[in-house]
Structure formats: structure tokens, C-alpha cells
Amino acid sequence: MIVSRISRFNRKDVRSYLEAYKAKMIMRDIPEDRRLSGFPQFVTPSIHTEVFDVQARCRNWLDFEAHILERYNFDESLWLFKR
């Protein structure tokens, strides 16, 4: 099952997560519509509703990806530790 091999999205490092998710789906030859409809199962429960709402408004993967990036791509430097 793919869920056990992909960590859950938790708002952190959204760009890298989407790239990894898309790469895994392409590698497994998952069609775009299933890639889009299956994404909410890969998020933490605390943001499931938010992601589902975004997904419901999008008709294709590119649109969904753009909306998720816009929503969760706030200052990613907050998640990085500085030495």
C-alpha cells in the first residue's frame, strides 16, 4: 500500500512533499485524477478538512498543486533551523 511508504503531509516543506508525492505517483503510473482524489489520505488529520476543501475546488492536479502551494507555502524559513 502506498500510504505506508509516503509520510503524511503536515504543512511543513510543502514544495518538497508535493514533488515527492508526484514522483511516487508517476513511478507507480497512477493517473492524474486518482493522484488528485487520493491526496487527502496522505495528510495529517488536523488539516484533512482544509486539504479536502481545496481538492473539491480543483479540477486537475496542476490547479490543486498551485492552490496547496499558495495555501501552505508561507515563509518556509520558519521550519528551518539556523546554526
N, C-alpha and C. Protein backbone atom coordinates (compact mmCIF):
# COMPACT_ATOMS: atom_id res chain seq x y z
N MET A 1 0.85 -1.19 0.00
CA MET A 1 0.00 0.00 0.00
C MET A 1 0.89 1.24 0.00
N ILE A 2 0.51 2.23 -0.75
CA ILE A 2 1.31 3.43 -0.92
C ILE A 2 1.34 4.27 0.35
N VAL A 3 0.25 4.28 1.12
CA VAL A 3 0.18 5.11 2.32
C VAL A 3 1.32 4.81 3.28
N SER A 4 1.67 3.55 3.42
CA SER A 4 2.72 3.20 4.36
C SER A 4 4.10 3.64 3.89
N ARG A 5 4.26 3.96 2.62
CA ARG A 5 5.56 4.32 2.08
C ARG A 5 5.75 5.82 1.92
N ILE A 6 4.71 6.60 2.09
CA ILE A 6 4.80 8.05 1.98
C ILE A 6 4.41 8.63 3.33
N SER A 7 5.24 9.51 3.85
CA SER A 7 4.89 10.14 5.12
C SER A 7 3.68 11.04 4.91
N ARG A 8 3.07 11.44 5.98
CA ARG A 8 1.88 12.28 5.89
C ARG A 8 2.28 13.75 5.80
N PHE A 9 1.55 14.50 4.99
CA PHE A 9 1.78 15.92 4.83
C PHE A 9 1.29 16.65 6.07
N ASN A 10 2.14 17.49 6.65
CA ASN A 10 1.79 18.18 7.90
C ASN A 10 2.04 19.69 7.82
N ARG A 11 1.94 20.25 6.64
CA ARG A 11 2.14 21.68 6.37
C ARG A 11 3.60 22.07 6.21
N LYS A 12 4.52 21.25 6.61
CA LYS A 12 5.94 21.60 6.55
C LYS A 12 6.52 21.20 5.20
N ASP A 13 7.36 22.04 4.66
CA ASP A 13 8.11 21.76 3.43
C ASP A 13 7.17 21.29 2.30
N VAL A 14 6.18 22.09 2.01
CA VAL A 14 5.14 21.73 1.07
C VAL A 14 5.69 21.44 -0.32
N ARG A 15 6.63 22.22 -0.77
CA ARG A 15 7.17 22.04 -2.13
C ARG A 15 7.85 20.68 -2.27
N SER A 16 8.68 20.32 -1.33
CA SER A 16 9.37 19.03 -1.38
C SER A 16 8.39 17.87 -1.26
N TYR A 17 7.39 18.04 -0.40
CA TYR A 17 6.40 16.97 -0.23
C TYR A 17 5.64 16.72 -1.52
N LEU A 18 5.18 17.80 -2.16
CA LEU A 18 4.43 17.64 -3.41
C LEU A 18 5.29 17.01 -4.50
N GLU A 19 6.55 17.39 -4.57
CA GLU A 19 7.45 16.79 -5.56
C GLU A 19 7.63 15.30 -5.32
N ALA A 20 7.82 14.92 -4.06
CA ALA A 20 7.99 13.50 -3.72
C ALA A 20 6.71 12.72 -3.99
N TYR A 21 5.57 13.29 -3.61
CA TYR A 21 4.28 12.63 -3.83
C TYR A 21 4.04 12.41 -5.32
N LYS A 22 4.25 13.46 -6.10
CA LYS A 22 4.03 13.36 -7.54
C LYS A 22 4.98 12.34 -8.17
N ALA A 23 6.23 12.33 -7.75
CA ALA A 23 7.19 11.37 -8.28
C ALA A 23 6.78 9.93 -7.98
N LYS A 24 6.33 9.69 -6.76
CA LYS A 24 5.88 8.33 -6.40
C LYS A 24 4.67 7.92 -7.22
N MET A 25 3.74 8.84 -7.42
CA MET A 25 2.54 8.52 -8.18
C MET A 25 2.87 8.25 -9.66
N ILE A 26 3.77 9.05 -10.21
CA ILE A 26 4.18 8.84 -11.61
C ILE A 26 4.92 7.51 -11.74
N MET A 27 5.78 7.22 -10.76
CA MET A 27 6.52 5.97 -10.78
C MET A 27 5.59 4.75 -10.78
N ARG A 28 4.49 4.88 -10.07
CA ARG A 28 3.52 3.78 -9.99
C ARG A 28 2.45 3.88 -11.07
N ASP A 29 2.61 4.83 -11.97
CA ASP A 29 1.70 5.02 -13.10
C ASP A 29 0.26 5.27 -12.65
N ILE A 30 0.11 6.08 -11.60
CA ILE A 30 -1.20 6.46 -11.09
C ILE A 30 -1.72 7.62 -11.94
N PRO A 31 -2.92 7.50 -12.51
CA PRO A 31 -3.46 8.59 -13.33
C PRO A 31 -3.68 9.87 -12.51
N GLU A 32 -3.69 10.99 -13.21
CA GLU A 32 -3.80 12.29 -12.55
C GLU A 32 -5.05 12.41 -11.69
N ASP A 33 -6.18 11.91 -12.18
CA ASP A 33 -7.42 12.03 -11.40
C ASP A 33 -7.33 11.25 -10.08
N ARG A 34 -6.71 10.09 -10.08
CA ARG A 34 -6.53 9.33 -8.84
C ARG A 34 -5.49 9.97 -7.94
N ARG A 35 -4.49 10.60 -8.54
CA ARG A 35 -3.47 11.32 -7.78
C ARG A 35 -4.14 12.45 -7.00
N LEU A 36 -5.04 13.15 -7.67
CA LEU A 36 -5.75 14.26 -7.05
C LEU A 36 -6.73 13.79 -5.99
N SER A 37 -7.53 12.79 -6.32
CA SER A 37 -8.55 12.33 -5.37
C SER A 37 -7.95 11.60 -4.18
N GLY A 38 -6.75 11.04 -4.33
CA GLY A 38 -6.13 10.30 -3.24
C GLY A 38 -5.30 11.12 -2.29
N PHE A 39 -4.99 12.35 -2.66
CA PHE A 39 -4.09 13.16 -1.83
C PHE A 39 -4.58 13.36 -0.39
N PRO A 40 -5.86 13.62 -0.14
CA PRO A 40 -6.29 13.85 1.24
C PRO A 40 -5.98 12.71 2.21
N GLN A 41 -5.81 11.49 1.71
CA GLN A 41 -5.48 10.40 2.64
C GLN A 41 -4.04 10.47 3.13
N PHE A 42 -3.22 11.35 2.52
CA PHE A 42 -1.82 11.48 2.89
C PHE A 42 -1.53 12.71 3.74
N VAL A 43 -2.55 13.28 4.35
CA VAL A 43 -2.34 14.46 5.19
C VAL A 43 -2.66 14.11 6.64
N THR A 44 -2.08 14.88 7.55
CA THR A 44 -2.37 14.66 8.96
C THR A 44 -3.83 15.01 9.24
N PRO A 45 -4.43 14.35 10.20
CA PRO A 45 -5.85 14.60 10.49
C PRO A 45 -6.17 16.06 10.80
N SER A 46 -5.24 16.80 11.35
CA SER A 46 -5.52 18.18 11.74
C SER A 46 -5.79 19.10 10.55
N ILE A 47 -5.29 18.75 9.36
CA ILE A 47 -5.52 19.61 8.19
C ILE A 47 -6.31 18.90 7.09
N HIS A 48 -6.85 17.74 7.40
CA HIS A 48 -7.58 16.97 6.40
C HIS A 48 -8.72 17.76 5.78
N THR A 49 -9.50 18.44 6.58
CA THR A 49 -10.64 19.20 6.09
C THR A 49 -10.20 20.33 5.17
N GLU A 50 -9.13 21.02 5.55
CA GLU A 50 -8.61 22.12 4.72
C GLU A 50 -8.18 21.61 3.34
N VAL A 51 -7.45 20.51 3.32
CA VAL A 51 -6.97 19.95 2.06
C VAL A 51 -8.13 19.43 1.23
N PHE A 52 -9.11 18.82 1.88
CA PHE A 52 -10.27 18.31 1.16
C PHE A 52 -11.05 19.47 0.52
N ASP A 53 -11.15 20.60 1.21
CA ASP A 53 -11.83 21.77 0.65
C ASP A 53 -11.10 22.30 -0.58
N VAL A 54 -9.78 22.35 -0.53
CA VAL A 54 -9.00 22.80 -1.68
C VAL A 54 -9.19 21.81 -2.83
N GLN A 55 -9.13 20.52 -2.53
CA GLN A 55 -9.27 19.49 -3.55
C GLN A 55 -10.64 19.56 -4.23
N ALA A 56 -11.67 19.86 -3.47
CA ALA A 56 -13.02 19.93 -4.03
C ALA A 56 -13.17 21.06 -5.04
N ARG A 57 -12.35 22.11 -4.92
CA ARG A 57 -12.43 23.26 -5.84
C ARG A 57 -11.58 23.08 -7.10
N CYS A 58 -10.73 22.07 -7.13
CA CYS A 58 -9.78 21.92 -8.24
C CYS A 58 -10.22 20.80 -9.18
N ARG A 59 -9.99 21.03 -10.46
CA ARG A 59 -10.37 20.04 -11.47
C ARG A 59 -9.21 19.21 -11.96
N ASN A 60 -7.97 19.68 -11.75
CA ASN A 60 -6.82 18.91 -12.21
C ASN A 60 -5.67 19.06 -11.22
N TRP A 61 -4.63 18.23 -11.42
CA TRP A 61 -3.52 18.21 -10.49
C TRP A 61 -2.76 19.53 -10.45
N LEU A 62 -2.52 20.15 -11.60
CA LEU A 62 -1.77 21.41 -11.62
C LEU A 62 -2.48 22.51 -10.83
N ASP A 63 -3.78 22.59 -10.98
CA ASP A 63 -4.57 23.58 -10.23
C ASP A 63 -4.49 23.29 -8.73
N PHE A 64 -4.65 22.02 -8.37
CA PHE A 64 -4.59 21.61 -6.97
C PHE A 64 -3.21 21.93 -6.38
N GLU A 65 -2.17 21.58 -7.12
CA GLU A 65 -0.80 21.81 -6.66
C GLU A 65 -0.55 23.31 -6.42
N ALA A 66 -1.04 24.13 -7.33
CA ALA A 66 -0.87 25.58 -7.19
C ALA A 66 -1.60 26.11 -5.94
N HIS A 67 -2.82 25.61 -5.72
CA HIS A 67 -3.58 26.06 -4.55
C HIS A 67 -2.93 25.60 -3.23
N ILE A 68 -2.45 24.37 -3.20
CA ILE A 68 -1.80 23.87 -1.99
C ILE A 68 -0.51 24.64 -1.72
N LEU A 69 0.26 24.90 -2.77
CA LEU A 69 1.48 25.69 -2.60
C LEU A 69 1.17 27.08 -2.08
N GLU A 70 0.13 27.69 -2.62
CA GLU A 70 -0.25 29.02 -2.19
C GLU A 70 -0.70 29.02 -0.73
N ARG A 71 -1.45 28.01 -0.37
CA ARG A 71 -2.01 27.97 0.98
C ARG A 71 -0.96 27.66 2.05
N TYR A 72 -0.05 26.74 1.77
CA TYR A 72 0.89 26.27 2.78
C TYR A 72 2.32 26.72 2.56
N ASN A 73 2.58 27.53 1.56
CA ASN A 73 3.94 27.95 1.28
C ASN A 73 4.26 29.29 1.94
N PHE A 74 3.70 29.52 3.10
CA PHE A 74 4.09 30.71 3.84
C PHE A 74 5.54 30.53 4.24
N ASP A 75 6.15 31.51 4.71
CA ASP A 75 7.59 31.57 4.97
C ASP A 75 8.17 30.23 5.45
N GLU A 76 8.70 29.45 4.51
CA GLU A 76 9.25 28.14 4.84
C GLU A 76 10.49 28.25 5.71
N SER A 77 11.08 29.42 5.78
CA SER A 77 12.26 29.58 6.63
C SER A 77 11.90 29.39 8.10
N LEU A 78 10.63 29.48 8.43
CA LEU A 78 10.21 29.25 9.82
C LEU A 78 10.47 27.81 10.24
N TRP A 79 10.49 26.90 9.27
CA TRP A 79 10.65 25.48 9.59
C TRP A 79 12.11 25.05 9.58
N LEU A 80 13.01 25.93 9.16
CA LEU A 80 14.43 25.58 9.10
C LEU A 80 15.12 26.07 10.36
N PHE A 81 16.04 25.27 10.83
CA PHE A 81 16.82 25.68 11.99
C PHE A 81 18.08 26.37 11.51
N LYS A 82 18.40 27.48 12.11
CA LYS A 82 19.61 28.19 11.76
C LYS A 82 20.70 27.84 12.75
N ARG A 83 21.89 27.67 12.23
CA ARG A 83 23.04 27.34 13.11
C ARG A 83 23.85 28.56 13.37
